[in-house]
Amino acid sequence: MPVHRYRSVEEMGGPRWYEPGDPALFCAIRRLWRLGERTVQPRFPHGLFRHRSIEEMNASQEKWAQANFESFLERRATEKARLETAGAGSGGVAR
């Protein structure tokens, strides 16, 4: 992947906007979804849930969000340990 260097913010240009129906828009959305899937990997219980109140629904969603966050922290710790182990075998330099 090339690295671009800019001397000022003006050289960077503005954000890229796609026209509705542009095939590049669908590719950009797909890449964004894949990035989110790789980094966050949210998991929710299957099925339809009925709640007696908004408070009960919010509590369920908060529980799912907390479980997803704990899963993310666990994956991050596992990946960090894997990189440290790999780095120790290559002279202490992790890549």
N, C-alpha and C. Protein backbone atom coordinates (compact mmCIF):
# COMPACT_ATOMS: atom_id res chain seq x y z
N MET A 1 0.85 -1.16 0.00
CA MET A 1 0.00 0.00 0.00
C MET A 1 0.90 1.23 0.00
N PRO A 2 0.69 2.14 -0.95
CA PRO A 2 1.57 3.31 -1.03
C PRO A 2 1.32 4.28 0.12
N VAL A 3 2.37 4.99 0.49
CA VAL A 3 2.29 6.02 1.52
C VAL A 3 2.40 7.36 0.83
N HIS A 4 1.44 8.23 1.06
CA HIS A 4 1.44 9.55 0.46
C HIS A 4 1.86 10.58 1.50
N ARG A 5 2.77 11.45 1.12
CA ARG A 5 3.21 12.52 2.02
C ARG A 5 2.72 13.85 1.48
N TYR A 6 2.22 14.67 2.36
CA TYR A 6 1.71 15.97 1.98
C TYR A 6 2.46 17.05 2.75
N ARG A 7 2.70 18.17 2.09
CA ARG A 7 3.38 19.28 2.74
C ARG A 7 2.39 20.17 3.51
N SER A 8 1.12 20.12 3.11
CA SER A 8 0.10 20.90 3.81
C SER A 8 -1.24 20.18 3.71
N VAL A 9 -2.18 20.63 4.51
CA VAL A 9 -3.51 20.03 4.51
C VAL A 9 -4.20 20.28 3.17
N GLU A 10 -3.93 21.40 2.53
CA GLU A 10 -4.57 21.71 1.26
C GLU A 10 -4.22 20.69 0.18
N GLU A 11 -3.03 20.12 0.23
CA GLU A 11 -2.61 19.12 -0.75
C GLU A 11 -3.41 17.83 -0.63
N MET A 12 -3.98 17.59 0.54
CA MET A 12 -4.68 16.34 0.78
C MET A 12 -5.99 16.26 0.02
N GLY A 13 -6.59 17.37 -0.28
CA GLY A 13 -7.88 17.34 -0.97
C GLY A 13 -9.00 17.04 0.00
N GLY A 14 -10.22 17.18 -0.47
CA GLY A 14 -11.38 16.95 0.38
C GLY A 14 -11.79 15.49 0.40
N PRO A 15 -12.85 15.21 1.14
CA PRO A 15 -13.33 13.84 1.19
C PRO A 15 -13.91 13.43 -0.16
N ARG A 16 -13.90 12.15 -0.42
CA ARG A 16 -14.40 11.62 -1.69
C ARG A 16 -15.89 11.36 -1.56
N TRP A 17 -16.68 11.98 -2.43
CA TRP A 17 -18.12 11.76 -2.44
C TRP A 17 -18.49 10.98 -3.69
N TYR A 18 -19.35 10.00 -3.53
CA TYR A 18 -19.78 9.17 -4.63
C TYR A 18 -21.21 9.55 -5.02
N GLU A 19 -21.51 9.44 -6.27
CA GLU A 19 -22.87 9.68 -6.76
C GLU A 19 -23.72 8.45 -6.50
N PRO A 20 -25.00 8.63 -6.20
CA PRO A 20 -25.88 7.46 -6.03
C PRO A 20 -25.86 6.58 -7.28
N GLY A 21 -25.71 5.29 -7.07
CA GLY A 21 -25.67 4.35 -8.18
C GLY A 21 -24.27 4.09 -8.72
N ASP A 22 -23.29 4.86 -8.28
CA ASP A 22 -21.91 4.67 -8.73
C ASP A 22 -21.39 3.34 -8.20
N PRO A 23 -20.85 2.45 -9.06
CA PRO A 23 -20.33 1.16 -8.57
C PRO A 23 -19.23 1.33 -7.53
N ALA A 24 -18.48 2.41 -7.58
CA ALA A 24 -17.43 2.64 -6.59
C ALA A 24 -18.03 2.87 -5.20
N LEU A 25 -19.26 3.40 -5.14
CA LEU A 25 -19.93 3.61 -3.86
C LEU A 25 -20.15 2.27 -3.16
N PHE A 26 -20.61 1.28 -3.92
CA PHE A 26 -20.86 -0.04 -3.34
C PHE A 26 -19.56 -0.69 -2.85
N CYS A 27 -18.49 -0.49 -3.60
CA CYS A 27 -17.19 -1.02 -3.17
C CYS A 27 -16.73 -0.35 -1.89
N ALA A 28 -16.91 0.97 -1.79
CA ALA A 28 -16.51 1.70 -0.59
C ALA A 28 -17.33 1.25 0.62
N ILE A 29 -18.62 1.05 0.44
CA ILE A 29 -19.47 0.58 1.53
C ILE A 29 -19.04 -0.82 1.96
N ARG A 30 -18.77 -1.69 0.99
CA ARG A 30 -18.33 -3.06 1.31
C ARG A 30 -17.03 -3.05 2.10
N ARG A 31 -16.06 -2.20 1.67
CA ARG A 31 -14.79 -2.11 2.41
C ARG A 31 -15.01 -1.60 3.83
N LEU A 32 -15.89 -0.63 4.00
CA LEU A 32 -16.18 -0.10 5.33
C LEU A 32 -16.81 -1.17 6.21
N TRP A 33 -17.75 -1.93 5.67
CA TRP A 33 -18.38 -3.00 6.45
C TRP A 33 -17.36 -4.07 6.83
N ARG A 34 -16.47 -4.40 5.91
CA ARG A 34 -15.43 -5.41 6.23
C ARG A 34 -14.50 -4.91 7.33
N LEU A 35 -14.14 -3.63 7.28
CA LEU A 35 -13.30 -3.05 8.33
C LEU A 35 -14.01 -3.15 9.68
N GLY A 36 -15.26 -2.78 9.72
CA GLY A 36 -16.02 -2.88 10.96
C GLY A 36 -16.13 -4.31 11.46
N GLU A 37 -16.33 -5.22 10.54
CA GLU A 37 -16.44 -6.63 10.91
C GLU A 37 -15.14 -7.16 11.49
N ARG A 38 -14.00 -6.75 10.89
CA ARG A 38 -12.70 -7.21 11.38
C ARG A 38 -12.35 -6.59 12.73
N THR A 39 -12.68 -5.33 12.93
CA THR A 39 -12.25 -4.65 14.14
C THR A 39 -13.21 -4.84 15.30
N VAL A 40 -14.50 -4.80 15.05
CA VAL A 40 -15.47 -4.84 16.13
C VAL A 40 -16.02 -6.24 16.34
N GLN A 41 -16.39 -6.91 15.27
CA GLN A 41 -16.97 -8.26 15.30
C GLN A 41 -18.12 -8.36 16.30
N PRO A 42 -19.14 -7.51 16.17
CA PRO A 42 -20.26 -7.58 17.12
C PRO A 42 -21.06 -8.86 16.94
N ARG A 43 -21.52 -9.39 18.04
CA ARG A 43 -22.36 -10.58 18.01
C ARG A 43 -23.61 -10.28 18.84
N PHE A 44 -24.74 -10.69 18.30
CA PHE A 44 -26.00 -10.51 18.99
C PHE A 44 -26.73 -11.83 19.01
N PRO A 45 -27.53 -12.07 20.04
CA PRO A 45 -28.28 -13.33 20.09
C PRO A 45 -29.24 -13.42 18.91
N HIS A 46 -29.42 -14.62 18.38
CA HIS A 46 -30.36 -14.84 17.28
C HIS A 46 -31.79 -14.78 17.81
N GLY A 47 -32.66 -14.36 16.97
CA GLY A 47 -34.08 -14.42 17.31
C GLY A 47 -34.69 -13.05 17.53
N LEU A 48 -35.97 -13.09 17.82
CA LEU A 48 -36.75 -11.89 18.07
C LEU A 48 -37.04 -11.83 19.56
N PHE A 49 -36.87 -10.68 20.15
CA PHE A 49 -37.05 -10.54 21.58
C PHE A 49 -38.17 -9.55 21.87
N ARG A 50 -39.02 -9.91 22.79
CA ARG A 50 -40.08 -9.01 23.24
C ARG A 50 -39.73 -8.53 24.63
N HIS A 51 -39.97 -7.28 24.86
CA HIS A 51 -39.67 -6.69 26.16
C HIS A 51 -40.93 -6.03 26.71
N ARG A 52 -41.06 -6.06 27.99
CA ARG A 52 -42.24 -5.49 28.63
C ARG A 52 -42.16 -3.97 28.73
N SER A 53 -40.95 -3.43 28.64
CA SER A 53 -40.79 -1.98 28.75
C SER A 53 -39.53 -1.55 28.01
N ILE A 54 -39.44 -0.27 27.78
CA ILE A 54 -38.24 0.31 27.15
C ILE A 54 -37.03 0.07 28.03
N GLU A 55 -37.20 0.18 29.33
CA GLU A 55 -36.09 -0.03 30.27
C GLU A 55 -35.55 -1.45 30.16
N GLU A 56 -36.45 -2.42 30.05
CA GLU A 56 -36.02 -3.82 29.91
C GLU A 56 -35.26 -4.01 28.59
N MET A 57 -35.75 -3.39 27.52
CA MET A 57 -35.07 -3.48 26.23
C MET A 57 -33.68 -2.85 26.31
N ASN A 58 -33.61 -1.66 26.91
CA ASN A 58 -32.32 -0.99 27.04
C ASN A 58 -31.34 -1.81 27.87
N ALA A 59 -31.83 -2.46 28.91
CA ALA A 59 -30.96 -3.30 29.75
C ALA A 59 -30.41 -4.48 28.94
N SER A 60 -31.26 -5.09 28.10
CA SER A 60 -30.81 -6.20 27.26
C SER A 60 -29.74 -5.74 26.27
N GLN A 61 -29.99 -4.60 25.63
CA GLN A 61 -29.03 -4.08 24.66
C GLN A 61 -27.72 -3.70 25.33
N GLU A 62 -27.79 -3.16 26.53
CA GLU A 62 -26.57 -2.81 27.26
C GLU A 62 -25.78 -4.06 27.61
N LYS A 63 -26.49 -5.13 27.98
CA LYS A 63 -25.82 -6.40 28.29
C LYS A 63 -25.10 -6.95 27.05
N TRP A 64 -25.75 -6.88 25.87
CA TRP A 64 -25.12 -7.34 24.64
C TRP A 64 -23.92 -6.48 24.29
N ALA A 65 -24.04 -5.17 24.46
CA ALA A 65 -22.94 -4.27 24.16
C ALA A 65 -21.74 -4.55 25.08
N GLN A 66 -22.01 -4.80 26.36
CA GLN A 66 -20.93 -5.10 27.30
C GLN A 66 -20.25 -6.41 26.94
N ALA A 67 -21.02 -7.41 26.54
CA ALA A 67 -20.45 -8.70 26.13
C ALA A 67 -19.58 -8.52 24.88
N ASN A 68 -20.04 -7.71 23.93
CA ASN A 68 -19.24 -7.44 22.74
C ASN A 68 -17.94 -6.73 23.08
N PHE A 69 -18.01 -5.77 24.00
CA PHE A 69 -16.81 -5.03 24.39
C PHE A 69 -15.82 -5.94 25.10
N GLU A 70 -16.30 -6.79 25.98
CA GLU A 70 -15.41 -7.73 26.67
C GLU A 70 -14.77 -8.69 25.67
N SER A 71 -15.53 -9.12 24.68
CA SER A 71 -14.98 -9.99 23.64
C SER A 71 -13.89 -9.27 22.85
N PHE A 72 -14.11 -7.99 22.55
CA PHE A 72 -13.11 -7.19 21.85
C PHE A 72 -11.83 -7.09 22.68
N LEU A 73 -11.97 -6.80 23.97
CA LEU A 73 -10.78 -6.69 24.82
C LEU A 73 -10.02 -8.01 24.90
N GLU A 74 -10.76 -9.12 24.95
CA GLU A 74 -10.11 -10.43 24.99
C GLU A 74 -9.35 -10.72 23.69
N ARG A 75 -9.98 -10.40 22.54
CA ARG A 75 -9.28 -10.60 21.25
C ARG A 75 -8.04 -9.74 21.17
N ARG A 76 -8.14 -8.50 21.66
CA ARG A 76 -7.00 -7.59 21.62
C ARG A 76 -5.85 -8.10 22.49
N ALA A 77 -6.18 -8.60 23.68
CA ALA A 77 -5.15 -9.14 24.57
C ALA A 77 -4.50 -10.38 23.96
N THR A 78 -5.31 -11.23 23.34
CA THR A 78 -4.79 -12.43 22.69
C THR A 78 -3.85 -12.07 21.54
N GLU A 79 -4.27 -11.08 20.73
CA GLU A 79 -3.43 -10.65 19.60
C GLU A 79 -2.13 -10.02 20.10
N LYS A 80 -2.21 -9.24 21.17
CA LYS A 80 -1.00 -8.63 21.73
C LYS A 80 -0.03 -9.70 22.23
N ALA A 81 -0.56 -10.70 22.91
CA ALA A 81 0.29 -11.78 23.40
C ALA A 81 0.91 -12.55 22.24
N ARG A 82 0.14 -12.77 21.18
CA ARG A 82 0.66 -13.47 20.01
C ARG A 82 1.79 -12.68 19.37
N LEU A 83 1.62 -11.37 19.25
CA LEU A 83 2.66 -10.53 18.65
C LEU A 83 3.91 -10.47 19.51
N GLU A 84 3.73 -10.43 20.82
CA GLU A 84 4.88 -10.41 21.71
C GLU A 84 5.66 -11.72 21.63
N THR A 85 4.94 -12.83 21.51
CA THR A 85 5.58 -14.14 21.39
C THR A 85 6.32 -14.23 20.07
N ALA A 86 5.68 -13.75 19.00
CA ALA A 86 6.33 -13.77 17.68
C ALA A 86 7.55 -12.84 17.66
N GLY A 87 7.46 -11.71 18.34
CA GLY A 87 8.56 -10.76 18.40
C GLY A 87 9.75 -11.29 19.18
N ALA A 88 9.49 -12.09 20.21
CA ALA A 88 10.58 -12.66 21.01
C ALA A 88 11.40 -13.64 20.20
N GLY A 89 10.75 -14.33 19.27
CA GLY A 89 11.46 -15.29 18.43
C GLY A 89 12.27 -14.65 17.34
N SER A 90 12.01 -13.38 17.01
CA SER A 90 12.73 -12.72 15.92
C SER A 90 13.69 -11.66 16.44
N GLY A 91 14.28 -11.91 17.58
CA GLY A 91 15.26 -10.96 18.12
C GLY A 91 14.62 -9.80 18.87
N GLY A 92 13.36 -9.97 19.29
CA GLY A 92 12.71 -8.95 20.10
C GLY A 92 12.06 -7.84 19.32
N VAL A 93 12.03 -7.93 17.99
CA VAL A 93 11.43 -6.89 17.18
C VAL A 93 10.11 -7.43 16.64
N ALA A 94 9.01 -6.86 17.11
CA ALA A 94 7.70 -7.29 16.62
C ALA A 94 7.39 -6.53 15.32
N ARG A 95 6.86 -7.25 14.35
CA ARG A 95 6.51 -6.62 13.07
C ARG A 95 5.07 -6.82 12.76
